[in-house]
C-alpha atoms as a PDB file:
ATOM      1  CA  MET A   1     -28.882 -86.936 -20.301  1.00  0.00           C
ATOM      2  CA  ALA A   2     -32.195 -88.404 -19.145  1.00  0.00           C
ATOM      3  CA  LYS A   3     -35.289 -86.372 -19.893  1.00  0.00           C
ATOM      4  CA  ARG A   4     -36.704 -84.699 -16.800  1.00  0.00           C
ATOM      5  CA  ARG A   5     -40.213 -85.959 -16.076  1.00  0.00           C
ATOM      6  CA  GLY A   6     -41.364 -83.347 -13.596  1.00  0.00           C
ATOM      7  CA  LEU A   7     -42.485 -83.535  -9.992  1.00  0.00           C
ATOM      8  CA  THR A   8     -44.589 -86.286  -8.479  1.00  0.00           C
ATOM      9  CA  LEU A   9     -47.646 -84.349  -7.350  1.00  0.00           C
ATOM     10  CA  ASP A  10     -50.784 -85.859  -5.814  1.00  0.00           C
ATOM     11  CA  GLY A  11     -53.965 -83.827  -5.857  1.00  0.00           C
ATOM     12  CA  VAL A  12     -56.733 -82.233  -7.887  1.00  0.00           C
ATOM     13  CA  LEU A  13     -56.561 -78.978  -9.816  1.00  0.00           C
ATOM     14  CA  LEU A  14     -59.882 -77.287 -10.503  1.00  0.00           C
ATOM     15  CA  LEU A  15     -59.116 -75.418 -13.712  1.00  0.00           C
ATOM     16  CA  ASP A  16     -61.287 -72.786 -15.390  1.00  0.00           C
ATOM     17  CA  LYS A  17     -60.671 -73.683 -19.027  1.00  0.00           C
ATOM     18  CA  PRO A  18     -60.511 -70.660 -21.340  1.00  0.00           C
ATOM     19  CA  VAL A  19     -62.335 -70.436 -24.650  1.00  0.00           C
ATOM     20  CA  GLY A  20     -60.454 -71.601 -27.742  1.00  0.00           C
ATOM     21  CA  LEU A  21     -58.362 -74.359 -26.163  1.00  0.00           C
ATOM     22  CA  SER A  22     -59.056 -78.066 -26.265  1.00  0.00           C
ATOM     23  CA  SER A  23     -59.314 -79.739 -22.869  1.00  0.00           C
ATOM     24  CA  ASN A  24     -56.056 -81.577 -23.479  1.00  0.00           C
ATOM     25  CA  HIS A  25     -54.180 -78.417 -24.458  1.00  0.00           C
ATOM     26  CA  ALA A  26     -55.448 -76.688 -21.314  1.00  0.00           C
ATOM     27  CA  LEU A  27     -54.386 -79.688 -19.230  1.00  0.00           C
ATOM     28  CA  GLN A  28     -50.903 -79.755 -20.748  1.00  0.00           C
ATOM     29  CA  ARG A  29     -50.386 -76.040 -20.073  1.00  0.00           C
ATOM     30  CA  ALA A  30     -51.502 -76.495 -16.475  1.00  0.00           C
ATOM     31  CA  LYS A  31     -49.254 -79.538 -16.143  1.00  0.00           C
ATOM     32  CA  ARG A  32     -46.251 -77.544 -17.381  1.00  0.00           C
ATOM     33  CA  ALA A  33     -47.066 -74.640 -15.069  1.00  0.00           C
ATOM     34  CA  MET A  34     -47.080 -77.011 -12.096  1.00  0.00           C
ATOM     35  CA  ASP A  35     -44.149 -79.082 -13.371  1.00  0.00           C
ATOM     36  CA  ALA A  36     -46.209 -82.230 -12.771  1.00  0.00           C
ATOM     37  CA  ALA A  37     -45.021 -85.624 -13.981  1.00  0.00           C
ATOM     38  CA  LYS A  38     -48.463 -87.220 -14.313  1.00  0.00           C
ATOM     39  CA  ALA A  39     -51.813 -85.571 -14.991  1.00  0.00           C
ATOM     40  CA  GLY A  40     -55.133 -86.260 -16.648  1.00  0.00           C
ATOM     41  CA  HIS A  41     -58.529 -84.583 -16.932  1.00  0.00           C
ATOM     42  CA  THR A  42     -61.873 -86.145 -16.162  1.00  0.00           C
ATOM     43  CA  GLY A  43     -64.223 -85.032 -18.916  1.00  0.00           C
ATOM     44  CA  THR A  44     -63.789 -83.128 -22.163  1.00  0.00           C
ATOM     45  CA  LEU A  45     -65.062 -79.624 -22.814  1.00  0.00           C
ATOM     46  CA  ASP A  46     -65.402 -78.469 -26.430  1.00  0.00           C
ATOM     47  CA  PRO A  47     -62.856 -75.800 -27.450  1.00  0.00           C
ATOM     48  CA  PHE A  48     -65.582 -73.129 -27.666  1.00  0.00           C
ATOM     49  CA  ALA A  49     -66.741 -73.963 -24.119  1.00  0.00           C
ATOM     50  CA  THR A  50     -65.274 -72.664 -20.876  1.00  0.00           C
ATOM     51  CA  GLY A  51     -65.444 -73.594 -17.243  1.00  0.00           C
ATOM     52  CA  LEU A  52     -64.649 -76.371 -14.848  1.00  0.00           C
ATOM     53  CA  LEU A  53     -62.070 -78.918 -15.938  1.00  0.00           C
ATOM     54  CA  VAL A  54     -61.157 -81.326 -13.142  1.00  0.00           C
ATOM     55  CA  CYS A  55     -57.464 -82.179 -13.549  1.00  0.00           C
ATOM     56  CA  CYS A  56     -56.008 -85.032 -11.518  1.00  0.00           C
ATOM     57  CA  MET A  57     -52.339 -85.300 -10.603  1.00  0.00           C
ATOM     58  CA  GLY A  58     -50.523 -88.451  -9.489  1.00  0.00           C
ATOM     59  CA  ARG A  59     -52.561 -90.685  -7.188  1.00  0.00           C
ATOM     60  CA  ALA A  60     -55.602 -88.461  -7.637  1.00  0.00           C
ATOM     61  CA  THR A  61     -56.023 -89.964 -11.121  1.00  0.00           C
ATOM     62  CA  LYS A  62     -57.801 -92.796  -9.279  1.00  0.00           C
ATOM     63  CA  ILE A  63     -60.901 -90.581  -9.077  1.00  0.00           C
ATOM     64  CA  SER A  64     -61.052 -90.152 -12.856  1.00  0.00           C
ATOM     65  CA  GLY A  65     -63.614 -92.913 -13.337  1.00  0.00           C
ATOM     66  CA  ALA A  66     -65.909 -91.453 -10.691  1.00  0.00           C
ATOM     67  CA  MET A  67     -65.664 -88.003 -12.264  1.00  0.00           C
ATOM     68  CA  LEU A  68     -66.412 -89.287 -15.770  1.00  0.00           C
ATOM     69  CA  ASN A  69     -69.603 -90.823 -14.382  1.00  0.00           C
ATOM     70  CA  ALA A  70     -70.487 -87.799 -12.250  1.00  0.00           C
ATOM     71  CA  ASP A  71     -73.402 -85.451 -12.802  1.00  0.00           C
ATOM     72  CA  LYS A  72     -72.563 -82.113 -14.422  1.00  0.00           C
ATOM     73  CA  ALA A  73     -74.029 -78.592 -14.515  1.00  0.00           C
ATOM     74  CA  TYR A  74     -73.755 -75.942 -17.215  1.00  0.00           C
ATOM     75  CA  ARG A  75     -74.743 -72.391 -18.081  1.00  0.00           C
ATOM     76  CA  ALA A  76     -75.615 -72.161 -21.762  1.00  0.00           C
ATOM     77  CA  THR A  77     -76.448 -69.339 -24.161  1.00  0.00           C
ATOM     78  CA  LEU A  78     -78.871 -70.258 -26.942  1.00  0.00           C
ATOM     79  CA  GLN A  79     -79.260 -68.291 -30.158  1.00  0.00           C
ATOM     80  CA  PHE A  80     -82.653 -68.840 -31.759  1.00  0.00           C
ATOM     81  CA  GLY A  81     -83.295 -68.533 -35.471  1.00  0.00           C
ATOM     82  CA  SER A  82     -80.753 -70.958 -36.892  1.00  0.00           C
ATOM     83  CA  GLU A  83     -79.383 -74.452 -36.400  1.00  0.00           C
ATOM     84  CA  THR A  84     -75.830 -75.515 -37.218  1.00  0.00           C
ATOM     85  CA  ASP A  85     -74.400 -78.908 -38.112  1.00  0.00           C
ATOM     86  CA  SER A  86     -72.284 -78.932 -34.946  1.00  0.00           C
ATOM     87  CA  GLY A  87     -74.956 -77.487 -32.662  1.00  0.00           C
ATOM     88  CA  ASP A  88     -72.794 -74.481 -31.768  1.00  0.00           C
ATOM     89  CA  LEU A  89     -71.435 -71.269 -33.248  1.00  0.00           C
ATOM     90  CA  THR A  90     -68.439 -73.041 -34.820  1.00  0.00           C
ATOM     91  CA  GLY A  91     -70.592 -75.003 -37.268  1.00  0.00           C
ATOM     92  CA  ASN A  92     -72.238 -74.289 -40.591  1.00  0.00           C
ATOM     93  CA  ILE A  93     -75.857 -73.103 -40.618  1.00  0.00           C
ATOM     94  CA  VAL A  94     -78.143 -75.854 -41.920  1.00  0.00           C
ATOM     95  CA  SER A  95     -81.617 -74.498 -41.052  1.00  0.00           C
ATOM     96  CA  THR A  96     -83.068 -71.031 -40.462  1.00  0.00           C
ATOM     97  CA  ALA A  97     -86.342 -69.730 -39.080  1.00  0.00           C
ATOM     98  CA  GLU A  98     -88.883 -67.744 -41.031  1.00  0.00           C
ATOM     99  CA  PRO A  99     -88.139 -63.998 -41.158  1.00  0.00           C
ATOM    100  CA  GLY A 100     -89.750 -62.059 -38.338  1.00  0.00           C
ATOM    101  CA  PHE A 101     -89.962 -64.975 -35.912  1.00  0.00           C
ATOM    102  CA  THR A 102     -90.227 -64.232 -32.210  1.00  0.00           C
ATOM    103  CA  VAL A 103     -89.586 -66.232 -29.045  1.00  0.00           C
ATOM    104  CA  ASP A 104     -92.329 -66.019 -26.429  1.00  0.00           C
ATOM    105  CA  GLU A 105     -91.083 -66.385 -22.854  1.00  0.00           C
ATOM    106  CA  GLN A 106     -93.930 -68.614 -21.706  1.00  0.00           C
ATOM    107  CA  ALA A 107     -93.581 -70.799 -24.794  1.00  0.00           C
ATOM    108  CA  LEU A 108     -89.869 -71.130 -24.033  1.00  0.00           C
ATOM    109  CA  ARG A 109     -90.548 -72.049 -20.402  1.00  0.00           C
ATOM    110  CA  ASP A 110     -93.065 -74.648 -21.556  1.00  0.00           C
ATOM    111  CA  ALA A 111     -90.520 -76.043 -24.020  1.00  0.00           C
ATOM    112  CA  LEU A 112     -87.841 -76.289 -21.336  1.00  0.00           C
ATOM    113  CA  SER A 113     -90.196 -78.191 -19.040  1.00  0.00           C
ATOM    114  CA  ARG A 114     -90.524 -80.912 -21.685  1.00  0.00           C
ATOM    115  CA  PHE A 115     -86.863 -81.779 -21.208  1.00  0.00           C
ATOM    116  CA  SER A 116     -86.961 -82.126 -17.429  1.00  0.00           C
ATOM    117  CA  GLY A 117     -86.482 -85.629 -16.027  1.00  0.00           C
ATOM    118  CA  THR A 118     -85.326 -88.797 -17.761  1.00  0.00           C
ATOM    119  CA  ILE A 119     -85.434 -88.397 -21.540  1.00  0.00           C
ATOM    120  CA  GLU A 120     -83.883 -89.879 -24.657  1.00  0.00           C
ATOM    121  CA  GLN A 121     -81.299 -87.912 -26.594  1.00  0.00           C
ATOM    122  CA  ILE A 122     -79.684 -88.702 -29.938  1.00  0.00           C
ATOM    123  CA  PRO A 123     -75.932 -87.979 -29.712  1.00  0.00           C
ATOM    124  CA  PRO A 124     -74.595 -85.464 -32.247  1.00  0.00           C
ATOM    125  CA  MET A 125     -72.451 -86.465 -35.199  1.00  0.00           C
ATOM    126  CA  TYR A 126     -69.859 -83.968 -33.992  1.00  0.00           C
ATOM    127  CA  SER A 127     -68.897 -86.027 -30.946  1.00  0.00           C
ATOM    128  CA  ALA A 128     -66.113 -88.353 -29.825  1.00  0.00           C
ATOM    129  CA  LEU A 129     -68.409 -91.380 -29.699  1.00  0.00           C
ATOM    130  CA  LYS A 130     -67.002 -94.128 -31.875  1.00  0.00           C
ATOM    131  CA  ARG A 131     -68.380 -96.297 -34.645  1.00  0.00           C
ATOM    132  CA  ASP A 132     -66.142 -99.119 -35.872  1.00  0.00           C
ATOM    133  CA  GLY A 133     -63.254 -97.604 -33.914  1.00  0.00           C
ATOM    134  CA  LYS A 134     -63.611 -94.206 -35.578  1.00  0.00           C
ATOM    135  CA  PRO A 135     -64.938 -91.054 -33.845  1.00  0.00           C
ATOM    136  CA  LEU A 136     -68.261 -89.812 -35.182  1.00  0.00           C
ATOM    137  CA  TYR A 137     -66.807 -86.360 -35.821  1.00  0.00           C
ATOM    138  CA  GLU A 138     -64.494 -87.851 -38.451  1.00  0.00           C
ATOM    139  CA  TYR A 139     -67.507 -89.176 -40.353  1.00  0.00           C
ATOM    140  CA  ALA A 140     -69.211 -85.792 -39.952  1.00  0.00           C
ATOM    141  CA  ARG A 141     -66.202 -83.933 -41.360  1.00  0.00           C
ATOM    142  CA  ALA A 142     -66.316 -86.245 -44.365  1.00  0.00           C
ATOM    143  CA  GLY A 143     -69.973 -85.358 -44.927  1.00  0.00           C
ATOM    144  CA  ILE A 144     -71.234 -88.751 -43.748  1.00  0.00           C
ATOM    145  CA  GLU A 145     -74.212 -88.918 -41.392  1.00  0.00           C
ATOM    146  CA  LEU A 146     -74.756 -92.171 -39.518  1.00  0.00           C
ATOM    147  CA  GLU A 147     -77.823 -93.336 -37.674  1.00  0.00           C
ATOM    148  CA  ARG A 148     -77.282 -93.019 -33.922  1.00  0.00           C
ATOM    149  CA  PRO A 149     -79.470 -94.818 -31.405  1.00  0.00           C
ATOM    150  CA  PRO A 150     -80.953 -92.559 -28.708  1.00  0.00           C
ATOM    151  CA  ARG A 151     -79.456 -92.733 -25.238  1.00  0.00           C
ATOM    152  CA  GLN A 152     -81.209 -92.241 -21.931  1.00  0.00           C
ATOM    153  CA  ILE A 153     -80.111 -89.186 -19.961  1.00  0.00           C
ATOM    154  CA  THR A 154     -81.504 -87.268 -17.006  1.00  0.00           C
ATOM    155  CA  ILE A 155     -82.028 -83.519 -16.782  1.00  0.00           C
ATOM    156  CA  TYR A 156     -82.257 -82.788 -13.059  1.00  0.00           C
ATOM    157  CA  ARG A 157     -82.811 -79.065 -13.485  1.00  0.00           C
ATOM    158  CA  ILE A 158     -83.343 -76.781 -16.462  1.00  0.00           C
ATOM    159  CA  GLU A 159     -83.963 -73.136 -15.662  1.00  0.00           C
ATOM    160  CA  LEU A 160     -84.432 -70.048 -17.797  1.00  0.00           C
ATOM    161  CA  LEU A 161     -82.202 -67.245 -16.523  1.00  0.00           C
ATOM    162  CA  SER A 162     -82.893 -64.625 -19.172  1.00  0.00           C
ATOM    163  CA  LEU A 163     -84.482 -64.049 -22.565  1.00  0.00           C
ATOM    164  CA  ASN A 164     -83.297 -61.100 -24.616  1.00  0.00           C
ATOM    165  CA  GLY A 165     -84.947 -61.025 -28.008  1.00  0.00           C
ATOM    166  CA  THR A 166     -83.700 -64.120 -29.805  1.00  0.00           C
ATOM    167  CA  GLN A 167     -81.091 -65.129 -27.238  1.00  0.00           C
ATOM    168  CA  ALA A 168     -81.644 -67.012 -23.987  1.00  0.00           C
ATOM    169  CA  GLU A 169     -79.452 -68.104 -21.107  1.00  0.00           C
ATOM    170  CA  ILE A 170     -80.275 -71.293 -19.219  1.00  0.00           C
ATOM    171  CA  ASP A 171     -78.864 -73.355 -16.358  1.00  0.00           C
ATOM    172  CA  VAL A 172     -78.833 -77.129 -16.755  1.00  0.00           C
ATOM    173  CA  ALA A 173     -77.946 -79.857 -14.250  1.00  0.00           C
ATOM    174  CA  CYS A 174     -77.708 -83.240 -15.925  1.00  0.00           C
ATOM    175  CA  SER A 175     -76.388 -86.777 -15.900  1.00  0.00           C
ATOM    176  CA  LYS A 176     -73.231 -87.944 -17.636  1.00  0.00           C
ATOM    177  CA  GLY A 177     -73.432 -88.272 -21.394  1.00  0.00           C
ATOM    178  CA  THR A 178     -75.727 -85.274 -21.873  1.00  0.00           C
ATOM    179  CA  TYR A 179     -74.944 -83.112 -24.896  1.00  0.00           C
ATOM    180  CA  ILE A 180     -75.983 -79.514 -24.256  1.00  0.00           C
ATOM    181  CA  ARG A 181     -75.504 -78.732 -27.956  1.00  0.00           C
ATOM    182  CA  THR A 182     -78.135 -81.336 -28.806  1.00  0.00           C
ATOM    183  CA  LEU A 183     -80.393 -80.065 -26.031  1.00  0.00           C
ATOM    184  CA  ALA A 184     -80.235 -76.571 -27.558  1.00  0.00           C
ATOM    185  CA  GLN A 185     -81.116 -77.956 -30.988  1.00  0.00           C
ATOM    186  CA  ASP A 186     -84.042 -79.910 -29.588  1.00  0.00           C
ATOM    187  CA  ILE A 187     -85.377 -76.863 -27.728  1.00  0.00           C
ATOM    188  CA  GLY A 188     -85.229 -74.830 -30.936  1.00  0.00           C
ATOM    189  CA  ARG A 189     -87.078 -77.530 -32.840  1.00  0.00           C
ATOM    190  CA  VAL A 190     -89.839 -77.697 -30.234  1.00  0.00           C
ATOM    191  CA  LEU A 191     -90.275 -73.926 -30.586  1.00  0.00           C
ATOM    192  CA  GLY A 192     -90.188 -74.223 -34.378  1.00  0.00           C
ATOM    193  CA  CYS A 193     -87.476 -71.600 -34.811  1.00  0.00           C
ATOM    194  CA  TYR A 194     -84.236 -73.611 -34.507  1.00  0.00           C
ATOM    195  CA  ALA A 195     -81.375 -72.855 -32.112  1.00  0.00           C
ATOM    196  CA  HIS A 196     -77.671 -73.356 -31.500  1.00  0.00           C
ATOM    197  CA  LEU A 197     -75.241 -72.623 -28.678  1.00  0.00           C
ATOM    198  CA  THR A 198     -73.154 -69.476 -28.712  1.00  0.00           C
ATOM    199  CA  ALA A 199     -71.600 -70.037 -25.273  1.00  0.00           C
ATOM    200  CA  LEU A 200     -71.291 -72.908 -22.816  1.00  0.00           C
ATOM    201  CA  ARG A 201     -69.766 -72.812 -19.347  1.00  0.00           C
ATOM    202  CA  ARG A 202     -69.468 -75.844 -17.087  1.00  0.00           C
ATOM    203  CA  THR A 203     -70.142 -74.911 -13.480  1.00  0.00           C
ATOM    204  CA  HIS A 204     -70.121 -78.246 -11.618  1.00  0.00           C
ATOM    205  CA  VAL A 205     -68.641 -81.735 -11.940  1.00  0.00           C
ATOM    206  CA  GLY A 206     -69.826 -84.063  -9.188  1.00  0.00           C
ATOM    207  CA  PRO A 207     -68.897 -82.436  -5.851  1.00  0.00           C
ATOM    208  CA  PHE A 208     -66.617 -79.844  -7.449  1.00  0.00           C
ATOM    209  CA  SER A 209     -67.696 -76.294  -8.287  1.00  0.00           C
ATOM    210  CA  LEU A 210     -66.362 -73.634 -10.634  1.00  0.00           C
ATOM    211  CA  ASP A 211     -66.331 -71.275  -7.636  1.00  0.00           C
ATOM    212  CA  ARG A 212     -63.096 -72.922  -6.471  1.00  0.00           C
ATOM    213  CA  ALA A 213     -61.452 -73.101  -9.889  1.00  0.00           C
ATOM    214  CA  VAL A 214     -58.417 -71.111 -10.986  1.00  0.00           C
ATOM    215  CA  ALA A 215     -58.087 -69.549 -14.429  1.00  0.00           C
ATOM    216  CA  LEU A 216     -55.255 -70.883 -16.582  1.00  0.00           C
ATOM    217  CA  ASP A 217     -53.550 -67.501 -16.976  1.00  0.00           C
ATOM    218  CA  ALA A 218     -53.773 -66.917 -13.216  1.00  0.00           C
ATOM    219  CA  LEU A 219     -52.253 -70.339 -12.577  1.00  0.00           C
ATOM    220  CA  GLN A 220     -49.383 -69.619 -14.959  1.00  0.00           C
ATOM    221  CA  ALA A 221     -48.717 -66.292 -13.219  1.00  0.00           C
ATOM    222  CA  MET A 222     -48.528 -67.775  -9.709  1.00  0.00           C
ATOM    223  CA  PRO A 223     -45.107 -67.801  -8.010  1.00  0.00           C
ATOM    224  CA  ASP A 224     -45.915 -71.350  -6.868  1.00  0.00           C
ATOM    225  CA  PRO A 225     -48.766 -72.846  -8.959  1.00  0.00           C
ATOM    226  CA  LYS A 226     -48.710 -75.998  -6.822  1.00  0.00           C
ATOM    227  CA  GLN A 227     -50.569 -74.001  -4.172  1.00  0.00           C
ATOM    228  CA  ALA A 228     -53.682 -74.271  -6.349  1.00  0.00           C
ATOM    229  CA  LEU A 229     -53.721 -78.052  -5.915  1.00  0.00           C
ATOM    230  CA  LEU A 230     -56.313 -79.704  -3.671  1.00  0.00           C
ATOM    231  CA  ALA A 231     -54.467 -82.285  -1.593  1.00  0.00           C
ATOM    232  CA  LEU A 232     -55.786 -85.836  -1.347  1.00  0.00           C
ATOM    233  CA  ASN A 233     -56.980 -85.233   2.215  1.00  0.00           C
ATOM    234  CA  GLU A 234     -59.027 -82.248   0.999  1.00  0.00           C
ATOM    235  CA  LEU A 235     -61.092 -84.352  -1.417  1.00  0.00           C
ATOM    236  CA  PRO A 236     -64.694 -85.200  -0.489  1.00  0.00           C
ATOM    237  CA  ALA A 237     -65.012 -88.309   1.674  1.00  0.00           C
ATOM    238  CA  GLY A 238     -65.289 -91.551  -0.246  1.00  0.00           C
ATOM    239  CA  LEU A 239     -64.188 -90.081  -3.564  1.00  0.00           C
ATOM    240  CA  LEU A 240     -60.694 -91.575  -3.513  1.00  0.00           C
ATOM    241  CA  PRO A 241     -60.709 -95.405  -3.593  1.00  0.00           C
ATOM    242  CA  ALA A 242     -59.257 -97.142  -0.559  1.00  0.00           C
ATOM    243  CA  THR A 243     -55.719 -98.398  -1.066  1.00  0.00           C
END
């Protein structure tokens, strides 16, 4: 008996990825829920991160390239006082601040302003960028640190939402290729007290917003999950290449 491949669906699913799942695992669960034959996502979120994952079904996969190159926006929670090797709460602490350190709100605002505009950022070792065909994170897991050339990125907006003791929440709108984990580290270094991410939530990818996304568990509970799909004619004008 031939293996059933699922339905041929054409459209975009805006998925709110839950914490703890890789982007691919979240995609595969959504694909099974919708019984879709062909699906792909358009930009990885770390397992600890949540938020907007743009999943393309069928002919909508033609927008994948545009989405990979699209600007993004995030809400990030920074913990001051320590830096980790991964830049987030899943890593090992490698540097700590002096006991009794404090974070001044105006000093933090001044630090954030230094990262506004076009800047250079050194990609983290814990990333999927490749060297000699091997992802950097594999070198990092083996305890090997490689020199990485800085890359030009653009921070369109960086805004302080709250500061509560040694924890801050910020909104960031940025160009493709921006690592928010590295941004958090760099902010902590400017302040002289180190920092790492404890939460990261993607809120926008190009023209798509988290406001229209569906949570994975809600999708799986729908009588007809296909209703969550944005049809091709609902996509923003010019996004889908002419055929």
